[in-house]
Amino acid sequence: MSGETAAPRIRLLERDQVTPEVANVYDALLKARGVVPNMFKTLAHTPALALATAGYLKALLSDGALPGFYKELIAMRLSVLLSSEYAVKAHALSARQKGATEAQLAAVRADFESGPFTASEKLGFRAAERLHRSAAEITDAFFAELKRHFTDPQIIELIATAAAFELFPRFVDALRIPLTPAPDG
């Protein structure tokens, strides 16, 4: 889990300590989320990586072929499976801001199969869990089932989201990035 008790391994950089380009990322995050996530305050030590990550996550988690709130819930589910408190809380906040209900958030934390999701949404969560265990679990038969429920762009977004959130929870936890405080208001 992200260390609330353990000291962060990398110092968090505030807006006045970063390049102008990264400061623009901070401003955009503050406007969109009400807070600059501590992950970005860590990534700011490597401006090119901070900028690339911000661009990638914006494209990945915005409304696209799949709704942004659903992709945040997929990210949250992977974070639950990886036991990343930081990432669970971050994606719960983003999912809520994008329209997810408290019942959906609770189901993603526990048992999405009995949660308030469509059959297709549940299938997407199953795909994410299979990918978490091994990409080999996305068998031809399972992929055929995905194709019956999702378009090609939706499948790409689903798999890209699940794959990305194998990375980010591990990144924040390995560096002991502290939980981001809730936004004001």
N, C-alpha and C. Protein backbone atom coordinates (compact mmCIF):
# COMPACT_ATOMS: atom_id res chain seq x y z
N MET A 1 0.84 -1.20 0.00
CA MET A 1 0.00 0.00 0.00
C MET A 1 0.88 1.25 0.00
N SER A 2 0.31 2.33 -0.51
CA SER A 2 1.03 3.60 -0.46
C SER A 2 1.27 3.94 0.99
N GLY A 3 2.43 4.44 1.27
CA GLY A 3 2.80 4.65 2.66
C GLY A 3 2.29 5.94 3.25
N GLU A 4 1.28 5.85 4.11
CA GLU A 4 0.90 7.01 4.89
C GLU A 4 1.86 7.13 6.07
N THR A 5 2.36 5.99 6.56
CA THR A 5 3.26 6.01 7.69
C THR A 5 4.71 6.04 7.25
N ALA A 6 5.03 5.39 6.16
CA ALA A 6 6.40 5.39 5.66
C ALA A 6 6.66 6.69 4.90
N ALA A 7 7.88 7.16 5.01
CA ALA A 7 8.24 8.41 4.34
C ALA A 7 8.30 8.19 2.83
N PRO A 8 7.85 9.20 2.06
CA PRO A 8 7.98 9.08 0.60
C PRO A 8 9.45 8.96 0.22
N ARG A 9 9.69 8.23 -0.83
CA ARG A 9 11.07 8.00 -1.26
C ARG A 9 11.60 9.12 -2.14
N ILE A 10 10.70 9.88 -2.73
CA ILE A 10 11.07 11.01 -3.60
C ILE A 10 10.29 12.24 -3.12
N ARG A 11 10.99 13.36 -3.02
CA ARG A 11 10.36 14.60 -2.57
C ARG A 11 9.30 15.06 -3.58
N LEU A 12 8.17 15.53 -3.07
CA LEU A 12 7.11 16.09 -3.91
C LEU A 12 7.49 17.52 -4.28
N LEU A 13 7.30 17.85 -5.56
CA LEU A 13 7.62 19.20 -6.03
C LEU A 13 6.34 20.03 -6.13
N GLU A 14 6.39 21.21 -5.59
CA GLU A 14 5.26 22.14 -5.68
C GLU A 14 5.38 22.94 -6.97
N ARG A 15 4.32 23.65 -7.30
CA ARG A 15 4.25 24.37 -8.57
C ARG A 15 5.43 25.30 -8.80
N ASP A 16 5.89 26.00 -7.75
CA ASP A 16 6.99 26.96 -7.91
C ASP A 16 8.35 26.28 -8.07
N GLN A 17 8.39 24.94 -8.03
CA GLN A 17 9.63 24.21 -8.15
C GLN A 17 9.76 23.46 -9.49
N VAL A 18 8.79 23.65 -10.38
CA VAL A 18 8.77 22.85 -11.61
C VAL A 18 8.94 23.75 -12.84
N THR A 19 9.20 23.11 -13.97
CA THR A 19 9.34 23.85 -15.22
C THR A 19 8.00 24.50 -15.60
N PRO A 20 8.02 25.50 -16.44
CA PRO A 20 6.76 26.13 -16.86
C PRO A 20 5.79 25.14 -17.52
N GLU A 21 6.33 24.19 -18.29
CA GLU A 21 5.45 23.20 -18.94
C GLU A 21 4.77 22.31 -17.92
N VAL A 22 5.50 21.89 -16.91
CA VAL A 22 4.92 21.06 -15.85
C VAL A 22 3.95 21.90 -15.00
N ALA A 23 4.27 23.17 -14.81
CA ALA A 23 3.34 24.05 -14.08
C ALA A 23 2.00 24.11 -14.82
N ASN A 24 2.03 24.11 -16.14
CA ASN A 24 0.78 24.08 -16.92
C ASN A 24 0.00 22.80 -16.66
N VAL A 25 0.70 21.67 -16.52
CA VAL A 25 0.05 20.41 -16.18
C VAL A 25 -0.59 20.52 -14.80
N TYR A 26 0.14 21.07 -13.84
CA TYR A 26 -0.41 21.26 -12.50
C TYR A 26 -1.70 22.08 -12.57
N ASP A 27 -1.66 23.18 -13.33
CA ASP A 27 -2.84 24.04 -13.45
C ASP A 27 -4.03 23.29 -14.05
N ALA A 28 -3.78 22.50 -15.08
CA ALA A 28 -4.85 21.73 -15.73
C ALA A 28 -5.42 20.69 -14.77
N LEU A 29 -4.55 20.02 -14.02
CA LEU A 29 -5.02 19.02 -13.05
C LEU A 29 -5.82 19.68 -11.94
N LEU A 30 -5.34 20.81 -11.46
CA LEU A 30 -6.06 21.52 -10.41
C LEU A 30 -7.44 21.94 -10.88
N LYS A 31 -7.53 22.42 -12.11
CA LYS A 31 -8.82 22.84 -12.67
C LYS A 31 -9.75 21.64 -12.85
N ALA A 32 -9.23 20.54 -13.36
CA ALA A 32 -10.07 19.37 -13.67
C ALA A 32 -10.43 18.57 -12.43
N ARG A 33 -9.49 18.43 -11.50
CA ARG A 33 -9.69 17.52 -10.37
C ARG A 33 -9.82 18.21 -9.03
N GLY A 34 -9.46 19.49 -8.99
CA GLY A 34 -9.50 20.20 -7.72
C GLY A 34 -8.26 19.99 -6.87
N VAL A 35 -7.31 19.22 -7.40
CA VAL A 35 -6.09 18.90 -6.67
C VAL A 35 -5.04 18.41 -7.67
N VAL A 36 -3.78 18.64 -7.36
CA VAL A 36 -2.70 18.08 -8.16
C VAL A 36 -2.29 16.77 -7.48
N PRO A 37 -2.50 15.64 -8.15
CA PRO A 37 -2.14 14.36 -7.53
C PRO A 37 -0.65 14.29 -7.19
N ASN A 38 -0.35 13.71 -6.05
CA ASN A 38 1.04 13.58 -5.63
C ASN A 38 1.88 12.77 -6.62
N MET A 39 1.25 11.90 -7.39
CA MET A 39 2.01 11.18 -8.41
C MET A 39 2.66 12.18 -9.38
N PHE A 40 1.93 13.23 -9.75
CA PHE A 40 2.50 14.22 -10.67
C PHE A 40 3.54 15.08 -9.98
N LYS A 41 3.38 15.30 -8.68
CA LYS A 41 4.39 16.06 -7.94
C LYS A 41 5.68 15.26 -7.83
N THR A 42 5.60 13.96 -8.01
CA THR A 42 6.79 13.11 -8.04
C THR A 42 7.34 13.04 -9.46
N LEU A 43 6.46 12.79 -10.43
CA LEU A 43 6.89 12.72 -11.83
C LEU A 43 7.55 14.02 -12.29
N ALA A 44 7.23 15.13 -11.64
CA ALA A 44 7.77 16.44 -12.05
C ALA A 44 9.29 16.49 -11.99
N HIS A 45 9.91 15.58 -11.26
CA HIS A 45 11.37 15.52 -11.25
C HIS A 45 11.92 15.18 -12.64
N THR A 46 11.09 14.56 -13.46
CA THR A 46 11.46 14.21 -14.83
C THR A 46 10.40 14.84 -15.74
N PRO A 47 10.56 16.11 -16.11
CA PRO A 47 9.51 16.83 -16.83
C PRO A 47 8.97 16.12 -18.06
N ALA A 48 9.83 15.53 -18.86
CA ALA A 48 9.34 14.86 -20.08
C ALA A 48 8.40 13.72 -19.73
N LEU A 49 8.71 12.98 -18.67
CA LEU A 49 7.84 11.89 -18.24
C LEU A 49 6.53 12.43 -17.65
N ALA A 50 6.60 13.50 -16.90
CA ALA A 50 5.38 14.11 -16.35
C ALA A 50 4.45 14.57 -17.47
N LEU A 51 5.03 15.23 -18.48
CA LEU A 51 4.22 15.72 -19.60
C LEU A 51 3.63 14.57 -20.40
N ALA A 52 4.43 13.56 -20.68
CA ALA A 52 3.95 12.41 -21.45
C ALA A 52 2.87 11.66 -20.68
N THR A 53 3.06 11.47 -19.39
CA THR A 53 2.07 10.77 -18.58
C THR A 53 0.77 11.54 -18.52
N ALA A 54 0.85 12.85 -18.35
CA ALA A 54 -0.37 13.66 -18.32
C ALA A 54 -1.13 13.55 -19.63
N GLY A 55 -0.42 13.63 -20.74
CA GLY A 55 -1.08 13.51 -22.04
C GLY A 55 -1.69 12.14 -22.25
N TYR A 56 -0.96 11.10 -21.89
CA TYR A 56 -1.46 9.73 -22.04
C TYR A 56 -2.70 9.50 -21.19
N LEU A 57 -2.63 9.88 -19.92
CA LEU A 57 -3.77 9.64 -19.03
C LEU A 57 -4.99 10.46 -19.42
N LYS A 58 -4.77 11.68 -19.91
CA LYS A 58 -5.91 12.48 -20.36
C LYS A 58 -6.61 11.80 -21.52
N ALA A 59 -5.83 11.34 -22.49
CA ALA A 59 -6.42 10.65 -23.64
C ALA A 59 -7.05 9.33 -23.22
N LEU A 60 -6.40 8.61 -22.35
CA LEU A 60 -6.88 7.29 -21.95
C LEU A 60 -8.16 7.36 -21.11
N LEU A 61 -8.23 8.29 -20.17
CA LEU A 61 -9.32 8.28 -19.18
C LEU A 61 -10.45 9.25 -19.49
N SER A 62 -10.33 10.01 -20.56
CA SER A 62 -11.43 10.89 -20.96
C SER A 62 -12.51 10.07 -21.64
N ASP A 63 -13.68 10.69 -21.82
CA ASP A 63 -14.72 10.03 -22.60
C ASP A 63 -14.18 9.78 -24.00
N GLY A 64 -14.39 8.59 -24.48
CA GLY A 64 -13.95 8.21 -25.82
C GLY A 64 -14.90 7.15 -26.33
N ALA A 65 -14.36 6.05 -26.80
CA ALA A 65 -15.21 4.93 -27.21
C ALA A 65 -15.95 4.36 -25.99
N LEU A 66 -15.32 4.46 -24.83
CA LEU A 66 -15.94 4.10 -23.55
C LEU A 66 -16.05 5.36 -22.70
N PRO A 67 -17.06 5.43 -21.83
CA PRO A 67 -17.17 6.60 -20.96
C PRO A 67 -16.00 6.68 -19.97
N GLY A 68 -15.57 7.91 -19.70
CA GLY A 68 -14.46 8.13 -18.78
C GLY A 68 -14.70 7.53 -17.41
N PHE A 69 -15.92 7.63 -16.89
CA PHE A 69 -16.18 7.11 -15.54
C PHE A 69 -15.95 5.60 -15.50
N TYR A 70 -16.31 4.89 -16.59
CA TYR A 70 -16.13 3.44 -16.62
C TYR A 70 -14.65 3.07 -16.66
N LYS A 71 -13.87 3.82 -17.43
CA LYS A 71 -12.43 3.55 -17.47
C LYS A 71 -11.80 3.84 -16.11
N GLU A 72 -12.28 4.86 -15.40
CA GLU A 72 -11.79 5.13 -14.04
C GLU A 72 -12.13 3.95 -13.12
N LEU A 73 -13.32 3.37 -13.31
CA LEU A 73 -13.70 2.21 -12.50
C LEU A 73 -12.83 0.99 -12.83
N ILE A 74 -12.48 0.82 -14.09
CA ILE A 74 -11.55 -0.25 -14.47
C ILE A 74 -10.20 -0.01 -13.78
N ALA A 75 -9.71 1.22 -13.84
CA ALA A 75 -8.45 1.56 -13.18
C ALA A 75 -8.55 1.31 -11.67
N MET A 76 -9.69 1.65 -11.10
CA MET A 76 -9.89 1.44 -9.67
C MET A 76 -9.89 -0.05 -9.35
N ARG A 77 -10.53 -0.87 -10.20
CA ARG A 77 -10.56 -2.31 -9.95
C ARG A 77 -9.15 -2.90 -9.97
N LEU A 78 -8.34 -2.50 -10.93
CA LEU A 78 -6.96 -2.98 -10.97
C LEU A 78 -6.20 -2.53 -9.72
N SER A 79 -6.47 -1.32 -9.27
CA SER A 79 -5.82 -0.79 -8.07
C SER A 79 -6.23 -1.58 -6.84
N VAL A 80 -7.49 -2.02 -6.78
CA VAL A 80 -7.95 -2.89 -5.70
C VAL A 80 -7.18 -4.21 -5.75
N LEU A 81 -7.08 -4.80 -6.94
CA LEU A 81 -6.38 -6.08 -7.07
C LEU A 81 -4.91 -5.97 -6.68
N LEU A 82 -4.32 -4.79 -6.90
CA LEU A 82 -2.91 -4.56 -6.56
C LEU A 82 -2.74 -4.01 -5.14
N SER A 83 -3.86 -3.87 -4.40
CA SER A 83 -3.84 -3.36 -3.02
C SER A 83 -3.16 -2.00 -2.91
N SER A 84 -3.43 -1.12 -3.86
CA SER A 84 -2.84 0.21 -3.86
C SER A 84 -3.84 1.24 -3.34
N GLU A 85 -3.71 1.56 -2.07
CA GLU A 85 -4.62 2.52 -1.46
C GLU A 85 -4.59 3.87 -2.19
N TYR A 86 -3.39 4.32 -2.54
CA TYR A 86 -3.25 5.58 -3.26
C TYR A 86 -4.09 5.56 -4.54
N ALA A 87 -3.89 4.52 -5.36
CA ALA A 87 -4.56 4.47 -6.66
C ALA A 87 -6.06 4.23 -6.52
N VAL A 88 -6.48 3.43 -5.55
CA VAL A 88 -7.92 3.22 -5.33
C VAL A 88 -8.59 4.56 -5.02
N LYS A 89 -8.01 5.31 -4.11
CA LYS A 89 -8.61 6.59 -3.72
C LYS A 89 -8.58 7.59 -4.88
N ALA A 90 -7.49 7.63 -5.61
CA ALA A 90 -7.39 8.57 -6.74
C ALA A 90 -8.44 8.27 -7.80
N HIS A 91 -8.61 7.00 -8.13
CA HIS A 91 -9.56 6.66 -9.19
C HIS A 91 -11.00 6.69 -8.70
N ALA A 92 -11.22 6.47 -7.41
CA ALA A 92 -12.57 6.65 -6.86
C ALA A 92 -12.98 8.12 -6.99
N LEU A 93 -12.07 9.03 -6.66
CA LEU A 93 -12.36 10.46 -6.79
C LEU A 93 -12.66 10.82 -8.24
N SER A 94 -11.80 10.37 -9.14
CA SER A 94 -12.01 10.71 -10.56
C SER A 94 -13.29 10.08 -11.11
N ALA A 95 -13.56 8.84 -10.74
CA ALA A 95 -14.78 8.17 -11.20
C ALA A 95 -16.01 8.92 -10.71
N ARG A 96 -15.99 9.31 -9.44
CA ARG A 96 -17.10 10.07 -8.85
C ARG A 96 -17.27 11.40 -9.58
N GLN A 97 -16.16 12.09 -9.85
CA GLN A 97 -16.23 13.37 -10.55
C GLN A 97 -16.78 13.21 -11.97
N LYS A 98 -16.61 12.03 -12.56
CA LYS A 98 -17.08 11.78 -13.92
C LYS A 98 -18.45 11.11 -13.96
N GLY A 99 -19.08 10.93 -12.79
CA GLY A 99 -20.46 10.45 -12.77
C GLY A 99 -20.72 9.07 -12.21
N ALA A 100 -19.70 8.37 -11.72
CA ALA A 100 -19.93 7.06 -11.11
C ALA A 100 -20.71 7.23 -9.82
N THR A 101 -21.53 6.26 -9.52
CA THR A 101 -22.34 6.30 -8.30
C THR A 101 -21.58 5.65 -7.13
N GLU A 102 -22.04 5.92 -5.93
CA GLU A 102 -21.43 5.30 -4.75
C GLU A 102 -21.63 3.79 -4.79
N ALA A 103 -22.76 3.33 -5.31
CA ALA A 103 -23.00 1.89 -5.42
C ALA A 103 -22.00 1.25 -6.39
N GLN A 104 -21.69 1.93 -7.48
CA GLN A 104 -20.69 1.41 -8.43
C GLN A 104 -19.31 1.36 -7.78
N LEU A 105 -18.95 2.41 -7.06
CA LEU A 105 -17.65 2.45 -6.39
C LEU A 105 -17.53 1.31 -5.38
N ALA A 106 -18.58 1.09 -4.61
CA ALA A 106 -18.57 0.02 -3.61
C ALA A 106 -18.44 -1.34 -4.28
N ALA A 107 -19.14 -1.54 -5.39
CA ALA A 107 -19.07 -2.83 -6.09
C ALA A 107 -17.69 -3.08 -6.67
N VAL A 108 -17.05 -2.05 -7.18
CA VAL A 108 -15.70 -2.21 -7.73
C VAL A 108 -14.71 -2.59 -6.63
N ARG A 109 -14.94 -2.08 -5.43
CA ARG A 109 -14.06 -2.42 -4.30
C ARG A 109 -14.26 -3.87 -3.85
N ALA A 110 -15.45 -4.40 -4.05
CA ALA A 110 -15.78 -5.71 -3.48
C ALA A 110 -16.14 -6.73 -4.55
N ASP A 111 -17.39 -6.68 -5.03
CA ASP A 111 -17.90 -7.71 -5.94
C ASP A 111 -18.65 -7.05 -7.09
N PHE A 112 -17.92 -6.71 -8.15
CA PHE A 112 -18.56 -6.03 -9.28
C PHE A 112 -19.64 -6.89 -9.92
N GLU A 113 -19.53 -8.22 -9.82
CA GLU A 113 -20.50 -9.11 -10.46
C GLU A 113 -21.91 -8.89 -9.92
N SER A 114 -22.03 -8.50 -8.66
CA SER A 114 -23.36 -8.25 -8.10
C SER A 114 -23.67 -6.76 -8.04
N GLY A 115 -22.82 -5.94 -8.65
CA GLY A 115 -23.00 -4.50 -8.63
C GLY A 115 -23.92 -4.00 -9.72
N PRO A 116 -24.19 -2.70 -9.70
CA PRO A 116 -25.12 -2.08 -10.64
C PRO A 116 -24.48 -1.81 -12.00
N PHE A 117 -24.11 -2.88 -12.68
CA PHE A 117 -23.46 -2.76 -13.97
C PHE A 117 -24.21 -3.58 -15.01
N THR A 118 -24.07 -3.17 -16.27
CA THR A 118 -24.65 -3.94 -17.37
C THR A 118 -23.84 -5.22 -17.57
N ALA A 119 -24.38 -6.14 -18.34
CA ALA A 119 -23.65 -7.37 -18.66
C ALA A 119 -22.34 -7.04 -19.37
N SER A 120 -22.35 -6.06 -20.26
CA SER A 120 -21.13 -5.66 -20.97
C SER A 120 -20.11 -5.07 -20.01
N GLU A 121 -20.55 -4.22 -19.11
CA GLU A 121 -19.61 -3.62 -18.15
C GLU A 121 -18.98 -4.70 -17.27
N LYS A 122 -19.77 -5.67 -16.84
CA LYS A 122 -19.22 -6.77 -16.03
C LYS A 122 -18.20 -7.57 -16.84
N LEU A 123 -18.49 -7.79 -18.12
CA LEU A 123 -17.55 -8.49 -18.99
C LEU A 123 -16.23 -7.71 -19.07
N GLY A 124 -16.31 -6.40 -19.16
CA GLY A 124 -15.11 -5.56 -19.19
C GLY A 124 -14.29 -5.70 -17.92
N PHE A 125 -14.96 -5.76 -16.77
CA PHE A 125 -14.23 -5.98 -15.52
C PHE A 125 -13.58 -7.37 -15.51
N ARG A 126 -14.29 -8.36 -16.03
CA ARG A 126 -13.70 -9.71 -16.11
C ARG A 126 -12.46 -9.70 -17.01
N ALA A 127 -12.53 -8.96 -18.11
CA ALA A 127 -11.37 -8.84 -19.01
C ALA A 127 -10.19 -8.22 -18.26
N ALA A 128 -10.44 -7.17 -17.50
CA ALA A 128 -9.38 -6.51 -16.74
C ALA A 128 -8.76 -7.47 -15.73
N GLU A 129 -9.60 -8.25 -15.06
CA GLU A 129 -9.09 -9.20 -14.08
C GLU A 129 -8.28 -10.30 -14.76
N ARG A 130 -8.73 -10.76 -15.92
CA ARG A 130 -7.97 -11.77 -16.65
C ARG A 130 -6.60 -11.21 -17.05
N LEU A 131 -6.59 -9.99 -17.57
CA LEU A 131 -5.33 -9.37 -17.96
C LEU A 131 -4.41 -9.22 -16.75
N HIS A 132 -4.98 -8.89 -15.60
CA HIS A 132 -4.19 -8.76 -14.38
C HIS A 132 -3.47 -10.08 -14.05
N ARG A 133 -4.17 -11.17 -14.21
CA ARG A 133 -3.56 -12.48 -13.90
C ARG A 133 -2.54 -12.87 -14.96
N SER A 134 -2.91 -12.68 -16.24
CA SER A 134 -2.00 -13.01 -17.35
C SER A 134 -2.68 -12.63 -18.66
N ALA A 135 -1.95 -12.04 -19.57
CA ALA A 135 -2.50 -11.73 -20.89
C ALA A 135 -2.95 -13.00 -21.60
N ALA A 136 -2.36 -14.12 -21.25
CA ALA A 136 -2.75 -15.40 -21.86
C ALA A 136 -4.20 -15.77 -21.51
N GLU A 137 -4.74 -15.16 -20.46
CA GLU A 137 -6.14 -15.43 -20.10
C GLU A 137 -7.13 -14.72 -21.02
N ILE A 138 -6.65 -13.83 -21.88
CA ILE A 138 -7.51 -13.26 -22.92
C ILE A 138 -7.42 -14.26 -24.09
N THR A 139 -8.10 -15.37 -23.91
CA THR A 139 -8.09 -16.45 -24.90
C THR A 139 -8.89 -16.03 -26.13
N ASP A 140 -8.77 -16.80 -27.18
CA ASP A 140 -9.56 -16.52 -28.39
C ASP A 140 -11.05 -16.58 -28.08
N ALA A 141 -11.47 -17.54 -27.29
CA ALA A 141 -12.90 -17.66 -26.95
C ALA A 141 -13.36 -16.44 -26.14
N PHE A 142 -12.54 -16.02 -25.19
CA PHE A 142 -12.91 -14.84 -24.39
C PHE A 142 -12.92 -13.59 -25.27
N PHE A 143 -11.94 -13.47 -26.15
CA PHE A 143 -11.90 -12.30 -27.04
C PHE A 143 -13.12 -12.28 -27.95
N ALA A 144 -13.57 -13.43 -28.41
CA ALA A 144 -14.79 -13.49 -29.23
C ALA A 144 -15.99 -12.97 -28.44
N GLU A 145 -16.02 -13.27 -27.16
CA GLU A 145 -17.10 -12.74 -26.30
C GLU A 145 -16.99 -11.22 -26.19
N LEU A 146 -15.78 -10.71 -26.02
CA LEU A 146 -15.59 -9.25 -26.00
C LEU A 146 -16.11 -8.63 -27.29
N LYS A 147 -15.80 -9.25 -28.43
CA LYS A 147 -16.21 -8.72 -29.73
C LYS A 147 -17.74 -8.69 -29.87
N ARG A 148 -18.45 -9.55 -29.17
CA ARG A 148 -19.91 -9.54 -29.22
C ARG A 148 -20.51 -8.36 -28.44
N HIS A 149 -19.72 -7.81 -27.53
CA HIS A 149 -20.23 -6.75 -26.65
C HIS A 149 -19.59 -5.38 -26.89
N PHE A 150 -18.41 -5.37 -27.47
CA PHE A 150 -17.66 -4.12 -27.61
C PHE A 150 -17.17 -3.95 -29.04
N THR A 151 -17.07 -2.69 -29.47
CA THR A 151 -16.45 -2.37 -30.76
C THR A 151 -14.93 -2.47 -30.63
N ASP A 152 -14.24 -2.46 -31.75
CA ASP A 152 -12.78 -2.48 -31.70
C ASP A 152 -12.21 -1.31 -30.90
N PRO A 153 -12.66 -0.06 -31.14
CA PRO A 153 -12.13 1.04 -30.32
C PRO A 153 -12.41 0.86 -28.82
N GLN A 154 -13.57 0.30 -28.49
CA GLN A 154 -13.88 0.07 -27.08
C GLN A 154 -12.95 -0.99 -26.48
N ILE A 155 -12.68 -2.04 -27.24
CA ILE A 155 -11.77 -3.08 -26.75
C ILE A 155 -10.37 -2.51 -26.54
N ILE A 156 -9.92 -1.69 -27.47
CA ILE A 156 -8.60 -1.07 -27.33
C ILE A 156 -8.54 -0.22 -26.06
N GLU A 157 -9.56 0.61 -25.83
CA GLU A 157 -9.57 1.44 -24.63
C GLU A 157 -9.64 0.59 -23.36
N LEU A 158 -10.44 -0.45 -23.39
CA LEU A 158 -10.58 -1.34 -22.22
C LEU A 158 -9.25 -2.00 -21.88
N ILE A 159 -8.61 -2.60 -22.86
CA ILE A 159 -7.35 -3.30 -22.62
C ILE A 159 -6.23 -2.31 -22.28
N ALA A 160 -6.20 -1.17 -22.96
CA ALA A 160 -5.18 -0.16 -22.65
C ALA A 160 -5.33 0.35 -21.22
N THR A 161 -6.57 0.56 -20.78
CA THR A 161 -6.81 1.02 -19.41
C THR A 161 -6.35 -0.03 -18.41
N ALA A 162 -6.78 -1.27 -18.63
CA ALA A 162 -6.38 -2.33 -17.70
C ALA A 162 -4.87 -2.50 -17.66
N ALA A 163 -4.23 -2.45 -18.80
CA ALA A 163 -2.77 -2.62 -18.85
C ALA A 163 -2.06 -1.45 -18.17
N ALA A 164 -2.52 -0.24 -18.41
CA ALA A 164 -1.89 0.94 -17.81
C ALA A 164 -1.95 0.90 -16.30
N PHE A 165 -3.03 0.35 -15.77
CA PHE A 165 -3.18 0.37 -14.32
C PHE A 165 -2.64 -0.88 -13.66
N GLU A 166 -1.82 -1.62 -14.40
CA GLU A 166 -0.87 -2.55 -13.81
C GLU A 166 0.39 -1.74 -13.47
N LEU A 167 0.67 -0.71 -14.25
CA LEU A 167 1.87 0.11 -14.07
C LEU A 167 1.71 1.15 -12.96
N PHE A 168 0.74 2.02 -13.07
CA PHE A 168 0.68 3.20 -12.19
C PHE A 168 0.55 2.86 -10.70
N PRO A 169 -0.29 1.90 -10.29
CA PRO A 169 -0.32 1.57 -8.86
C PRO A 169 1.03 1.06 -8.35
N ARG A 170 1.73 0.31 -9.17
CA ARG A 170 3.04 -0.19 -8.76
C ARG A 170 4.04 0.97 -8.63
N PHE A 171 3.96 1.92 -9.54
CA PHE A 171 4.84 3.10 -9.50
C PHE A 171 4.63 3.89 -8.21
N VAL A 172 3.39 4.21 -7.89
CA VAL A 172 3.14 5.04 -6.70
C VAL A 172 3.50 4.30 -5.42
N ASP A 173 3.24 3.00 -5.39
CA ASP A 173 3.53 2.25 -4.17
C ASP A 173 5.02 1.99 -3.99
N ALA A 174 5.74 1.72 -5.07
CA ALA A 174 7.19 1.49 -4.95
C ALA A 174 7.91 2.73 -4.46
N LEU A 175 7.41 3.90 -4.86
CA LEU A 175 8.04 5.15 -4.44
C LEU A 175 7.43 5.72 -3.15
N ARG A 176 6.46 4.98 -2.58
CA ARG A 176 5.76 5.41 -1.36
C ARG A 176 5.21 6.83 -1.48
N ILE A 177 4.61 7.09 -2.60
CA ILE A 177 4.01 8.42 -2.80
C ILE A 177 2.83 8.54 -1.84
N PRO A 178 2.80 9.58 -1.04
CA PRO A 178 1.72 9.70 -0.05
C PRO A 178 0.38 9.98 -0.72
N LEU A 179 -0.68 9.56 -0.03
CA LEU A 179 -2.02 9.82 -0.54
C LEU A 179 -2.21 11.29 -0.82
N THR A 180 -2.86 11.58 -1.92
CA THR A 180 -3.15 12.97 -2.27
C THR A 180 -4.31 13.44 -1.40
N PRO A 181 -4.17 14.60 -0.76
CA PRO A 181 -5.28 15.11 0.05
C PRO A 181 -6.53 15.34 -0.83
N ALA A 182 -7.69 15.19 -0.24
CA ALA A 182 -8.93 15.45 -0.96
C ALA A 182 -8.96 16.90 -1.40
N PRO A 183 -9.60 17.17 -2.54
CA PRO A 183 -9.69 18.56 -2.98
C PRO A 183 -10.53 19.39 -2.00
N ASP A 184 -10.21 20.66 -1.95
CA ASP A 184 -11.01 21.57 -1.10
C ASP A 184 -12.41 21.66 -1.64
N GLY A 185 -13.38 21.70 -0.73
CA GLY A 185 -14.77 21.85 -1.16
C GLY A 185 -15.28 20.57 -1.68
